[in-house]
């Protein structure tokens, strides 16, 4: 050990009167009387760090409990409600029974929500109004200079403002992806009129019952797609009839050539996924699948074809 010569167990240390061995250290290295061998003392045990607000899982617990479904008995029947909705309902029922505190809290909460809704509505109306004005100015400037219209998203004609109700919304594409989708639907809608003309010339097609009438299935699909387009992109009065007359005037061979070329182009530009309403797309797909499989008719479309095309 430091400060002393090593001695074998059971032997007497040099210059000392006792043996050095087990539990008998050399005198020079022994602890001095009245002096601690660990002057700094034992280190204190670190305190457990309290959870910070950002680390606490309370938010997650609160959200789970707020939307947890609970079963209640109401008017003799069992209903399931999220816990938060059940609390609101209980508060309203308490207010209806005359509890003044519940009435005060409910009315204050309702007024606050309505105020926030009105503020958001006013801000949205103002933002879209400014966006519409800037878009119209850009269009007018390009047309004065003889330039093509700029690609504006949203298009100013798609921004609908109702000054009486304060409602404002965009009835059209708001992103390049949505624009590609609507452009494709316009091409597909007009392409279906070629199939209507083909069915008229060959008698090969399919029909559907709609609002008590039997109509050509291809025409029904075209009208369905047109109804889902923004108002700016829909057929104007007489436009569909003019396109239909043009298709019917084509010779049979030219009609087949245009169907093949346009459909090939549609397949290359089909956007995915479809933004058509699921119930509408399902109905159109069902109608298309019901058409006859006689020779000359297009095959049944694949389920992964979105939006639905005349054939896959």
C-alpha atoms as a PDB file:
ATOM      1  CA  UNK A   1       0.000   0.000   0.000  1.00  0.00           C
ATOM      2  CA  UNK A   2       1.142   3.605  -0.564  1.00  0.00           C
ATOM      3  CA  UNK A   3       3.631   4.936   1.899  1.00  0.00           C
ATOM      4  CA  UNK A   4       4.601   1.522   3.336  1.00  0.00           C
ATOM      5  CA  UNK A   5       6.687  -1.439   2.391  1.00  0.00           C
ATOM      6  CA  UNK A   6       4.820  -4.515   1.404  1.00  0.00           C
ATOM      7  CA  UNK A   7       4.883  -7.192   4.012  1.00  0.00           C
ATOM      8  CA  UNK A   8       3.926 -10.778   3.755  1.00  0.00           C
ATOM      9  CA  UNK A   9       0.892 -11.872   5.776  1.00  0.00           C
ATOM     10  CA  UNK A  10       1.800 -12.977   9.278  1.00  0.00           C
ATOM     11  CA  UNK A  11       5.127 -11.105   9.319  1.00  0.00           C
ATOM     12  CA  UNK A  12       6.033  -8.170  11.472  1.00  0.00           C
ATOM     13  CA  UNK A  13       6.354  -4.849   9.666  1.00  0.00           C
ATOM     14  CA  UNK A  14       9.834  -3.310   9.904  1.00  0.00           C
ATOM     15  CA  UNK A  15      10.131  -1.091  12.933  1.00  0.00           C
ATOM     16  CA  UNK A  16       6.665  -1.996  14.161  1.00  0.00           C
ATOM     17  CA  UNK A  17       5.538  -4.105  17.080  1.00  0.00           C
ATOM     18  CA  UNK A  18       2.572  -5.847  15.422  1.00  0.00           C
ATOM     19  CA  UNK A  19       2.083  -8.177  12.570  1.00  0.00           C
ATOM     20  CA  UNK A  20       0.785  -6.953   9.181  1.00  0.00           C
ATOM     21  CA  UNK A  21      -1.973  -9.105   7.755  1.00  0.00           C
ATOM     22  CA  UNK A  22      -5.699  -9.494   7.377  1.00  0.00           C
ATOM     23  CA  UNK A  23      -7.399  -6.390   8.818  1.00  0.00           C
ATOM     24  CA  UNK A  24      -3.996  -5.156  10.009  1.00  0.00           C
ATOM     25  CA  UNK A  25      -2.710  -2.549   7.527  1.00  0.00           C
ATOM     26  CA  UNK A  26       0.719  -1.001   7.949  1.00  0.00           C
ATOM     27  CA  UNK A  27       0.699   1.780  10.528  1.00  0.00           C
ATOM     28  CA  UNK A  28       1.783   4.459   8.010  1.00  0.00           C
ATOM     29  CA  UNK A  29      -1.274   3.894   5.852  1.00  0.00           C
ATOM     30  CA  UNK A  30      -3.826   3.616   8.611  1.00  0.00           C
ATOM     31  CA  UNK A  31      -6.592   6.210   8.969  1.00  0.00           C
ATOM     32  CA  UNK A  32      -5.669   8.884  11.454  1.00  0.00           C
ATOM     33  CA  UNK A  33      -7.857   9.029  14.519  1.00  0.00           C
ATOM     34  CA  UNK A  34     -10.537  11.729  14.247  1.00  0.00           C
ATOM     35  CA  UNK A  35     -10.012  12.204  10.516  1.00  0.00           C
ATOM     36  CA  UNK A  36     -12.445  10.836   7.920  1.00  0.00           C
ATOM     37  CA  UNK A  37     -11.169   8.670   5.153  1.00  0.00           C
ATOM     38  CA  UNK A  38     -13.687  10.271   2.793  1.00  0.00           C
ATOM     39  CA  UNK A  39     -13.619  14.001   3.571  1.00  0.00           C
ATOM     40  CA  UNK A  40     -15.953  14.873   0.723  1.00  0.00           C
ATOM     41  CA  UNK A  41     -18.575  12.487   1.990  1.00  0.00           C
ATOM     42  CA  UNK A  42     -20.902  10.253   0.033  1.00  0.00           C
ATOM     43  CA  UNK A  43     -22.270  12.002  -3.077  1.00  0.00           C
ATOM     44  CA  UNK A  44     -25.902  12.900  -2.747  1.00  0.00           C
ATOM     45  CA  UNK A  45     -28.440  10.860  -4.656  1.00  0.00           C
ATOM     46  CA  UNK A  46     -29.630  12.893  -7.642  1.00  0.00           C
ATOM     47  CA  UNK A  47     -33.232  14.005  -7.406  1.00  0.00           C
ATOM     48  CA  UNK A  48     -35.662  12.541  -9.892  1.00  0.00           C
ATOM     49  CA  UNK A  49     -36.159  15.044 -12.732  1.00  0.00           C
ATOM     50  CA  UNK A  50     -39.736  16.197 -12.931  1.00  0.00           C
ATOM     51  CA  UNK A  51     -41.444  15.702 -16.252  1.00  0.00           C
ATOM     52  CA  UNK A  52     -41.547  18.815 -18.332  1.00  0.00           C
ATOM     53  CA  UNK A  53     -44.710  19.890 -20.060  1.00  0.00           C
ATOM     54  CA  UNK A  54     -43.300  18.891 -23.442  1.00  0.00           C
ATOM     55  CA  UNK A  55     -42.430  15.423 -22.113  1.00  0.00           C
ATOM     56  CA  UNK A  56     -45.669  14.765 -20.278  1.00  0.00           C
ATOM     57  CA  UNK A  57     -48.086  12.375 -21.975  1.00  0.00           C
ATOM     58  CA  UNK A  58     -51.094  14.223 -20.563  1.00  0.00           C
ATOM     59  CA  UNK A  59     -52.100  15.640 -23.934  1.00  0.00           C
ATOM     60  CA  UNK A  60     -52.281  12.169 -25.430  1.00  0.00           C
ATOM     61  CA  UNK A  61     -54.235  10.842 -22.461  1.00  0.00           C
ATOM     62  CA  UNK A  62     -56.641  13.771 -22.633  1.00  0.00           C
ATOM     63  CA  UNK A  63     -57.252  13.247 -26.335  1.00  0.00           C
ATOM     64  CA  UNK A  64     -57.858   9.521 -25.886  1.00  0.00           C
ATOM     65  CA  UNK A  65     -60.298  10.100 -23.061  1.00  0.00           C
ATOM     66  CA  UNK A  66     -62.077  12.960 -24.836  1.00  0.00           C
ATOM     67  CA  UNK A  67     -62.906  10.834 -27.889  1.00  0.00           C
ATOM     68  CA  UNK A  68     -63.399   7.510 -26.108  1.00  0.00           C
ATOM     69  CA  UNK A  69     -66.864   6.140 -26.853  1.00  0.00           C
ATOM     70  CA  UNK A  70     -69.076   5.693 -23.823  1.00  0.00           C
ATOM     71  CA  UNK A  71     -72.483   4.058 -23.631  1.00  0.00           C
ATOM     72  CA  UNK A  72     -75.422   6.042 -22.286  1.00  0.00           C
ATOM     73  CA  UNK A  73     -79.103   5.368 -21.788  1.00  0.00           C
ATOM     74  CA  UNK A  74     -81.186   8.141 -23.337  1.00  0.00           C
ATOM     75  CA  UNK A  75     -84.970   8.091 -23.677  1.00  0.00           C
ATOM     76  CA  UNK A  76     -85.025   4.362 -23.056  1.00  0.00           C
ATOM     77  CA  UNK A  77     -82.463   3.460 -25.711  1.00  0.00           C
ATOM     78  CA  UNK A  78     -78.716   2.948 -25.680  1.00  0.00           C
ATOM     79  CA  UNK A  79     -76.530   5.471 -27.494  1.00  0.00           C
ATOM     80  CA  UNK A  80     -72.775   5.709 -27.934  1.00  0.00           C
ATOM     81  CA  UNK A  81     -71.113   9.116 -27.751  1.00  0.00           C
ATOM     82  CA  UNK A  82     -67.551  10.417 -27.442  1.00  0.00           C
ATOM     83  CA  UNK A  83     -66.866  11.419 -23.845  1.00  0.00           C
ATOM     84  CA  UNK A  84     -66.410  15.080 -24.803  1.00  0.00           C
ATOM     85  CA  UNK A  85     -69.806  15.188 -26.513  1.00  0.00           C
ATOM     86  CA  UNK A  86     -71.408  13.497 -23.517  1.00  0.00           C
ATOM     87  CA  UNK A  87     -69.964  16.199 -21.236  1.00  0.00           C
ATOM     88  CA  UNK A  88     -71.351  18.929 -23.482  1.00  0.00           C
ATOM     89  CA  UNK A  89     -74.739  17.238 -23.531  1.00  0.00           C
ATOM     90  CA  UNK A  90     -74.773  16.908 -19.743  1.00  0.00           C
ATOM     91  CA  UNK A  91     -73.845  20.583 -19.403  1.00  0.00           C
ATOM     92  CA  UNK A  92     -76.663  21.617 -21.738  1.00  0.00           C
ATOM     93  CA  UNK A  93     -79.175  19.447 -19.902  1.00  0.00           C
ATOM     94  CA  UNK A  94     -78.067  20.980 -16.612  1.00  0.00           C
ATOM     95  CA  UNK A  95     -78.510  24.464 -18.082  1.00  0.00           C
ATOM     96  CA  UNK A  96     -81.984  23.580 -19.341  1.00  0.00           C
ATOM     97  CA  UNK A  97     -82.929  22.514 -15.823  1.00  0.00           C
ATOM     98  CA  UNK A  98     -82.198  26.034 -14.592  1.00  0.00           C
ATOM     99  CA  UNK A  99     -78.634  25.818 -13.274  1.00  0.00           C
ATOM    100  CA  UNK A 100     -77.378  29.394 -13.629  1.00  0.00           C
ATOM    101  CA  UNK A 101     -73.675  28.524 -13.642  1.00  0.00           C
ATOM    102  CA  UNK A 102     -74.192  25.944 -16.393  1.00  0.00           C
ATOM    103  CA  UNK A 103     -76.268  28.444 -18.364  1.00  0.00           C
ATOM    104  CA  UNK A 104     -73.571  31.119 -18.045  1.00  0.00           C
ATOM    105  CA  UNK A 105     -70.760  28.771 -19.068  1.00  0.00           C
ATOM    106  CA  UNK A 106     -72.687  27.407 -22.035  1.00  0.00           C
ATOM    107  CA  UNK A 107     -73.677  30.829 -23.388  1.00  0.00           C
ATOM    108  CA  UNK A 108     -70.133  32.186 -22.977  1.00  0.00           C
ATOM    109  CA  UNK A 109     -68.665  29.177 -24.768  1.00  0.00           C
ATOM    110  CA  UNK A 110     -71.213  29.442 -27.577  1.00  0.00           C
ATOM    111  CA  UNK A 111     -70.549  33.168 -28.030  1.00  0.00           C
ATOM    112  CA  UNK A 112     -66.797  32.560 -28.167  1.00  0.00           C
ATOM    113  CA  UNK A 113     -67.144  29.840 -30.808  1.00  0.00           C
ATOM    114  CA  UNK A 114     -69.479  31.955 -32.932  1.00  0.00           C
ATOM    115  CA  UNK A 115     -67.100  34.903 -32.711  1.00  0.00           C
ATOM    116  CA  UNK A 116     -64.158  32.765 -33.851  1.00  0.00           C
ATOM    117  CA  UNK A 117     -66.228  31.361 -36.719  1.00  0.00           C
ATOM    118  CA  UNK A 118     -67.276  34.823 -37.887  1.00  0.00           C
ATOM    119  CA  UNK A 119     -63.702  36.088 -37.700  1.00  0.00           C
ATOM    120  CA  UNK A 120     -62.432  33.155 -39.760  1.00  0.00           C
ATOM    121  CA  UNK A 121     -65.273  33.615 -42.260  1.00  0.00           C
ATOM    122  CA  UNK A 122     -64.508  37.333 -42.669  1.00  0.00           C
ATOM    123  CA  UNK A 123     -60.777  36.707 -43.075  1.00  0.00           C
ATOM    124  CA  UNK A 124     -61.392  34.018 -45.681  1.00  0.00           C
ATOM    125  CA  UNK A 125     -63.767  36.270 -47.619  1.00  0.00           C
ATOM    126  CA  UNK A 126     -61.238  39.128 -47.597  1.00  0.00           C
ATOM    127  CA  UNK A 127     -58.340  36.881 -48.657  1.00  0.00           C
ATOM    128  CA  UNK A 128     -60.257  35.304 -51.553  1.00  0.00           C
ATOM    129  CA  UNK A 129     -61.588  38.690 -52.663  1.00  0.00           C
ATOM    130  CA  UNK A 130     -58.041  40.064 -52.914  1.00  0.00           C
ATOM    131  CA  UNK A 131     -56.889  36.904 -54.710  1.00  0.00           C
ATOM    132  CA  UNK A 132     -59.762  37.194 -57.201  1.00  0.00           C
ATOM    133  CA  UNK A 133     -58.998  40.864 -57.914  1.00  0.00           C
ATOM    134  CA  UNK A 134     -55.301  40.181 -58.480  1.00  0.00           C
ATOM    135  CA  UNK A 135     -56.127  37.272 -60.794  1.00  0.00           C
ATOM    136  CA  UNK A 136     -58.546  39.351 -62.855  1.00  0.00           C
ATOM    137  CA  UNK A 137     -55.941  42.109 -63.172  1.00  0.00           C
ATOM    138  CA  UNK A 138     -53.320  39.598 -64.353  1.00  0.00           C
ATOM    139  CA  UNK A 139     -55.720  38.158 -66.950  1.00  0.00           C
ATOM    140  CA  UNK A 140     -56.643  41.621 -68.229  1.00  0.00           C
ATOM    141  CA  UNK A 141     -52.983  42.615 -68.544  1.00  0.00           C
ATOM    142  CA  UNK A 142     -52.086  39.483 -70.542  1.00  0.00           C
ATOM    143  CA  UNK A 143     -55.043  39.959 -72.862  1.00  0.00           C
ATOM    144  CA  UNK A 144     -54.162  43.617 -73.484  1.00  0.00           C
ATOM    145  CA  UNK A 145     -50.671  42.586 -74.514  1.00  0.00           C
ATOM    146  CA  UNK A 146     -51.928  39.715 -76.666  1.00  0.00           C
ATOM    147  CA  UNK A 147     -50.371  37.062 -74.432  1.00  0.00           C
ATOM    148  CA  UNK A 148     -51.957  33.718 -73.530  1.00  0.00           C
ATOM    149  CA  UNK A 149     -53.779  33.562 -70.216  1.00  0.00           C
ATOM    150  CA  UNK A 150     -51.497  32.756 -67.275  1.00  0.00           C
ATOM    151  CA  UNK A 151     -51.981  29.556 -65.303  1.00  0.00           C
ATOM    152  CA  UNK A 152     -53.582  30.911 -62.149  1.00  0.00           C
ATOM    153  CA  UNK A 153     -54.410  28.625 -59.241  1.00  0.00           C
ATOM    154  CA  UNK A 154     -57.040  29.147 -58.161  1.00  0.00           C
ATOM    155  CA  UNK A 155     -58.486  30.723 -61.298  1.00  0.00           C
ATOM    156  CA  UNK A 156     -60.327  33.981 -60.516  1.00  0.00           C
ATOM    157  CA  UNK A 157     -63.454  32.640 -62.232  1.00  0.00           C
ATOM    158  CA  UNK A 158     -63.426  29.725 -59.783  1.00  0.00           C
ATOM    159  CA  UNK A 159     -63.494  32.000 -56.727  1.00  0.00           C
ATOM    160  CA  UNK A 160     -67.120  32.423 -55.652  1.00  0.00           C
ATOM    161  CA  UNK A 161     -67.999  35.368 -53.390  1.00  0.00           C
ATOM    162  CA  UNK A 162     -71.426  35.906 -51.842  1.00  0.00           C
ATOM    163  CA  UNK A 163     -71.485  39.381 -50.241  1.00  0.00           C
ATOM    164  CA  UNK A 164     -74.930  38.822 -48.700  1.00  0.00           C
ATOM    165  CA  UNK A 165     -74.042  35.712 -46.715  1.00  0.00           C
ATOM    166  CA  UNK A 166     -70.319  36.395 -46.506  1.00  0.00           C
ATOM    167  CA  UNK A 167     -69.567  32.947 -47.907  1.00  0.00           C
ATOM    168  CA  UNK A 168     -66.469  32.524 -50.066  1.00  0.00           C
ATOM    169  CA  UNK A 169     -65.090  29.338 -51.592  1.00  0.00           C
ATOM    170  CA  UNK A 170     -63.103  28.002 -54.535  1.00  0.00           C
ATOM    171  CA  UNK A 171     -65.064  25.918 -57.045  1.00  0.00           C
ATOM    172  CA  UNK A 172     -62.128  24.552 -58.986  1.00  0.00           C
ATOM    173  CA  UNK A 173     -58.533  23.337 -58.781  1.00  0.00           C
ATOM    174  CA  UNK A 174     -56.294  24.869 -56.142  1.00  0.00           C
ATOM    175  CA  UNK A 175     -53.084  22.970 -56.970  1.00  0.00           C
ATOM    176  CA  UNK A 176     -51.309  21.686 -60.113  1.00  0.00           C
ATOM    177  CA  UNK A 177     -52.350  18.130 -59.230  1.00  0.00           C
ATOM    178  CA  UNK A 178     -56.028  19.082 -59.037  1.00  0.00           C
ATOM    179  CA  UNK A 179     -55.750  20.974 -62.334  1.00  0.00           C
ATOM    180  CA  UNK A 180     -54.344  17.875 -64.062  1.00  0.00           C
ATOM    181  CA  UNK A 181     -57.253  15.881 -62.691  1.00  0.00           C
ATOM    182  CA  UNK A 182     -59.925  18.291 -63.917  1.00  0.00           C
ATOM    183  CA  UNK A 183     -58.240  18.686 -67.318  1.00  0.00           C
ATOM    184  CA  UNK A 184     -58.315  14.912 -67.670  1.00  0.00           C
ATOM    185  CA  UNK A 185     -61.996  14.768 -66.721  1.00  0.00           C
ATOM    186  CA  UNK A 186     -62.832  17.352 -69.394  1.00  0.00           C
ATOM    187  CA  UNK A 187     -61.060  15.255 -72.049  1.00  0.00           C
ATOM    188  CA  UNK A 188     -62.735  12.068 -70.820  1.00  0.00           C
ATOM    189  CA  UNK A 189     -66.174  13.688 -70.773  1.00  0.00           C
ATOM    190  CA  UNK A 190     -65.842  14.868 -74.394  1.00  0.00           C
ATOM    191  CA  UNK A 191     -64.299  11.543 -75.422  1.00  0.00           C
ATOM    192  CA  UNK A 192     -67.376   9.682 -74.196  1.00  0.00           C
ATOM    193  CA  UNK A 193     -69.468  11.505 -76.818  1.00  0.00           C
ATOM    194  CA  UNK A 194     -67.487   9.625 -79.476  1.00  0.00           C
ATOM    195  CA  UNK A 195     -68.688   6.404 -77.862  1.00  0.00           C
ATOM    196  CA  UNK A 196     -72.241   7.721 -77.889  1.00  0.00           C
ATOM    197  CA  UNK A 197     -71.929   8.362 -81.640  1.00  0.00           C
ATOM    198  CA  UNK A 198     -70.401   4.916 -82.146  1.00  0.00           C
ATOM    199  CA  UNK A 199     -73.284   3.285 -80.279  1.00  0.00           C
ATOM    200  CA  UNK A 200     -75.757   5.220 -82.472  1.00  0.00           C
ATOM    201  CA  UNK A 201     -74.040   4.083 -85.673  1.00  0.00           C
ATOM    202  CA  UNK A 202     -73.432   0.430 -84.748  1.00  0.00           C
ATOM    203  CA  UNK A 203     -76.192  -0.301 -82.242  1.00  0.00           C
ATOM    204  CA  UNK A 204     -73.511  -1.693 -79.915  1.00  0.00           C
ATOM    205  CA  UNK A 205     -73.603  -0.095 -76.526  1.00  0.00           C
ATOM    206  CA  UNK A 206     -75.452  -0.220 -73.253  1.00  0.00           C
ATOM    207  CA  UNK A 207     -78.304   1.682 -71.669  1.00  0.00           C
ATOM    208  CA  UNK A 208     -79.185   2.708 -68.129  1.00  0.00           C
ATOM    209  CA  UNK A 209     -82.351   3.768 -66.360  1.00  0.00           C
ATOM    210  CA  UNK A 210     -82.053   7.254 -64.933  1.00  0.00           C
ATOM    211  CA  UNK A 211     -84.911   9.309 -63.482  1.00  0.00           C
ATOM    212  CA  UNK A 212     -87.481   7.098 -65.171  1.00  0.00           C
ATOM    213  CA  UNK A 213     -85.834   7.299 -68.604  1.00  0.00           C
ATOM    214  CA  UNK A 214     -83.669   4.897 -70.565  1.00  0.00           C
ATOM    215  CA  UNK A 215     -80.581   6.649 -71.888  1.00  0.00           C
ATOM    216  CA  UNK A 216     -77.284   5.669 -73.466  1.00  0.00           C
ATOM    217  CA  UNK A 217     -74.842   4.545 -70.801  1.00  0.00           C
ATOM    218  CA  UNK A 218     -71.963   6.488 -72.335  1.00  0.00           C
ATOM    219  CA  UNK A 219     -74.059   9.656 -72.328  1.00  0.00           C
ATOM    220  CA  UNK A 220     -74.962   9.082 -68.681  1.00  0.00           C
ATOM    221  CA  UNK A 221     -71.265   8.753 -67.788  1.00  0.00           C
ATOM    222  CA  UNK A 222     -70.420  11.930 -69.705  1.00  0.00           C
ATOM    223  CA  UNK A 223     -73.178  13.866 -67.937  1.00  0.00           C
ATOM    224  CA  UNK A 224     -72.032  12.520 -64.562  1.00  0.00           C
ATOM    225  CA  UNK A 225     -68.470  13.669 -65.137  1.00  0.00           C
ATOM    226  CA  UNK A 226     -69.683  17.061 -66.364  1.00  0.00           C
ATOM    227  CA  UNK A 227     -71.725  17.563 -63.187  1.00  0.00           C
ATOM    228  CA  UNK A 228     -68.637  16.979 -61.019  1.00  0.00           C
ATOM    229  CA  UNK A 229     -66.517  19.557 -62.853  1.00  0.00           C
ATOM    230  CA  UNK A 230     -66.149  23.172 -61.674  1.00  0.00           C
ATOM    231  CA  UNK A 231     -68.802  25.440 -63.167  1.00  0.00           C
ATOM    232  CA  UNK A 232     -66.225  27.154 -65.364  1.00  0.00           C
ATOM    233  CA  UNK A 233     -65.350  23.828 -67.025  1.00  0.00           C
ATOM    234  CA  UNK A 234     -68.882  22.486 -67.532  1.00  0.00           C
ATOM    235  CA  UNK A 235     -70.649  22.395 -70.867  1.00  0.00           C
ATOM    236  CA  UNK A 236     -72.229  25.699 -71.757  1.00  0.00           C
ATOM    237  CA  UNK A 237     -75.747  25.796 -73.172  1.00  0.00           C
ATOM    238  CA  UNK A 238     -75.809  24.026 -76.540  1.00  0.00           C
ATOM    239  CA  UNK A 239     -72.136  23.010 -76.352  1.00  0.00           C
ATOM    240  CA  UNK A 240     -72.824  19.317 -75.751  1.00  0.00           C
ATOM    241  CA  UNK A 241     -75.340  19.210 -78.625  1.00  0.00           C
ATOM    242  CA  UNK A 242     -72.805  20.814 -80.979  1.00  0.00           C
ATOM    243  CA  UNK A 243     -70.130  18.288 -79.996  1.00  0.00           C
ATOM    244  CA  UNK A 244     -72.600  15.448 -80.418  1.00  0.00           C
ATOM    245  CA  UNK A 245     -73.537  16.594 -83.921  1.00  0.00           C
ATOM    246  CA  UNK A 246     -69.857  16.823 -84.816  1.00  0.00           C
ATOM    247  CA  UNK A 247     -69.240  13.253 -83.623  1.00  0.00           C
ATOM    248  CA  UNK A 248     -72.272  11.902 -85.490  1.00  0.00           C
ATOM    249  CA  UNK A 249     -71.100  13.579 -88.696  1.00  0.00           C
ATOM    250  CA  UNK A 250     -67.821  11.640 -88.713  1.00  0.00           C
ATOM    251  CA  UNK A 251     -67.522   8.631 -91.052  1.00  0.00           C
ATOM    252  CA  UNK A 252     -67.303   5.292 -89.299  1.00  0.00           C
ATOM    253  CA  UNK A 253     -63.592   4.805 -90.019  1.00  0.00           C
ATOM    254  CA  UNK A 254     -62.681   8.324 -88.885  1.00  0.00           C
ATOM    255  CA  UNK A 255     -64.780   7.829 -85.754  1.00  0.00           C
ATOM    256  CA  UNK A 256     -62.902   4.633 -84.870  1.00  0.00           C
ATOM    257  CA  UNK A 257     -59.555   6.330 -85.523  1.00  0.00           C
ATOM    258  CA  UNK A 258     -60.376   9.239 -83.211  1.00  0.00           C
ATOM    259  CA  UNK A 259     -61.627   6.914 -80.486  1.00  0.00           C
ATOM    260  CA  UNK A 260     -58.370   4.933 -80.590  1.00  0.00           C
ATOM    261  CA  UNK A 261     -56.066   7.969 -80.666  1.00  0.00           C
ATOM    262  CA  UNK A 262     -57.905   9.924 -77.970  1.00  0.00           C
ATOM    263  CA  UNK A 263     -58.184   6.939 -75.697  1.00  0.00           C
ATOM    264  CA  UNK A 264     -54.456   6.253 -76.034  1.00  0.00           C
ATOM    265  CA  UNK A 265     -53.775   9.848 -75.012  1.00  0.00           C
ATOM    266  CA  UNK A 266     -56.183   9.567 -72.079  1.00  0.00           C
ATOM    267  CA  UNK A 267     -54.428   6.466 -70.767  1.00  0.00           C
ATOM    268  CA  UNK A 268     -51.085   8.283 -70.782  1.00  0.00           C
ATOM    269  CA  UNK A 269     -52.444  11.271 -68.871  1.00  0.00           C
ATOM    270  CA  UNK A 270     -54.649   9.479 -66.336  1.00  0.00           C
ATOM    271  CA  UNK A 271     -53.987  11.096 -62.933  1.00  0.00           C
ATOM    272  CA  UNK A 272     -53.928   9.011 -59.778  1.00  0.00           C
ATOM    273  CA  UNK A 273     -55.551   8.890 -57.353  1.00  0.00           C
ATOM    274  CA  UNK A 274     -58.990   9.927 -58.520  1.00  0.00           C
ATOM    275  CA  UNK A 275     -60.642  12.910 -56.825  1.00  0.00           C
ATOM    276  CA  UNK A 276     -64.093  11.976 -58.060  1.00  0.00           C
ATOM    277  CA  UNK A 277     -66.540  11.314 -55.250  1.00  0.00           C
ATOM    278  CA  UNK A 278     -66.374   7.636 -54.326  1.00  0.00           C
ATOM    279  CA  UNK A 279     -70.125   7.036 -54.555  1.00  0.00           C
ATOM    280  CA  UNK A 280     -70.300   8.668 -57.998  1.00  0.00           C
ATOM    281  CA  UNK A 281     -67.300   6.738 -59.285  1.00  0.00           C
ATOM    282  CA  UNK A 282     -68.717   3.456 -57.968  1.00  0.00           C
ATOM    283  CA  UNK A 283     -72.033   4.083 -59.695  1.00  0.00           C
ATOM    284  CA  UNK A 284     -70.393   4.955 -62.994  1.00  0.00           C
ATOM    285  CA  UNK A 285     -68.168   1.884 -62.770  1.00  0.00           C
ATOM    286  CA  UNK A 286     -71.185  -0.312 -62.092  1.00  0.00           C
ATOM    287  CA  UNK A 287     -72.980   1.117 -65.129  1.00  0.00           C
ATOM    288  CA  UNK A 288     -69.934   0.567 -67.311  1.00  0.00           C
ATOM    289  CA  UNK A 289     -69.570  -3.044 -66.176  1.00  0.00           C
ATOM    290  CA  UNK A 290     -73.169  -3.811 -67.071  1.00  0.00           C
ATOM    291  CA  UNK A 291     -72.668  -3.118 -70.756  1.00  0.00           C
ATOM    292  CA  UNK A 292     -72.810  -6.071 -73.102  1.00  0.00           C
ATOM    293  CA  UNK A 293     -69.680  -7.996 -74.030  1.00  0.00           C
ATOM    294  CA  UNK A 294     -70.604  -8.443 -77.644  1.00  0.00           C
ATOM    295  CA  UNK A 295     -67.821  -8.225 -80.184  1.00  0.00           C
ATOM    296  CA  UNK A 296     -66.849  -4.652 -80.852  1.00  0.00           C
ATOM    297  CA  UNK A 297     -67.659  -3.373 -77.399  1.00  0.00           C
ATOM    298  CA  UNK A 298     -64.790  -2.182 -75.181  1.00  0.00           C
ATOM    299  CA  UNK A 299     -63.691  -4.566 -72.411  1.00  0.00           C
ATOM    300  CA  UNK A 300     -64.717  -4.094 -68.799  1.00  0.00           C
ATOM    301  CA  UNK A 301     -62.554  -1.438 -67.107  1.00  0.00           C
ATOM    302  CA  UNK A 302     -60.073  -2.410 -64.448  1.00  0.00           C
ATOM    303  CA  UNK A 303     -60.807  -1.523 -60.857  1.00  0.00           C
ATOM    304  CA  UNK A 304     -57.518   0.379 -60.578  1.00  0.00           C
ATOM    305  CA  UNK A 305     -58.336   2.697 -63.468  1.00  0.00           C
ATOM    306  CA  UNK A 306     -58.923   6.118 -61.944  1.00  0.00           C
ATOM    307  CA  UNK A 307     -60.740   8.104 -63.064  1.00  0.00           C
ATOM    308  CA  UNK A 308     -62.908   5.603 -64.919  1.00  0.00           C
ATOM    309  CA  UNK A 309     -62.237   5.392 -68.640  1.00  0.00           C
ATOM    310  CA  UNK A 310     -64.419   3.839 -71.356  1.00  0.00           C
ATOM    311  CA  UNK A 311     -62.169   0.841 -71.347  1.00  0.00           C
ATOM    312  CA  UNK A 312     -58.903  -0.215 -69.817  1.00  0.00           C
END
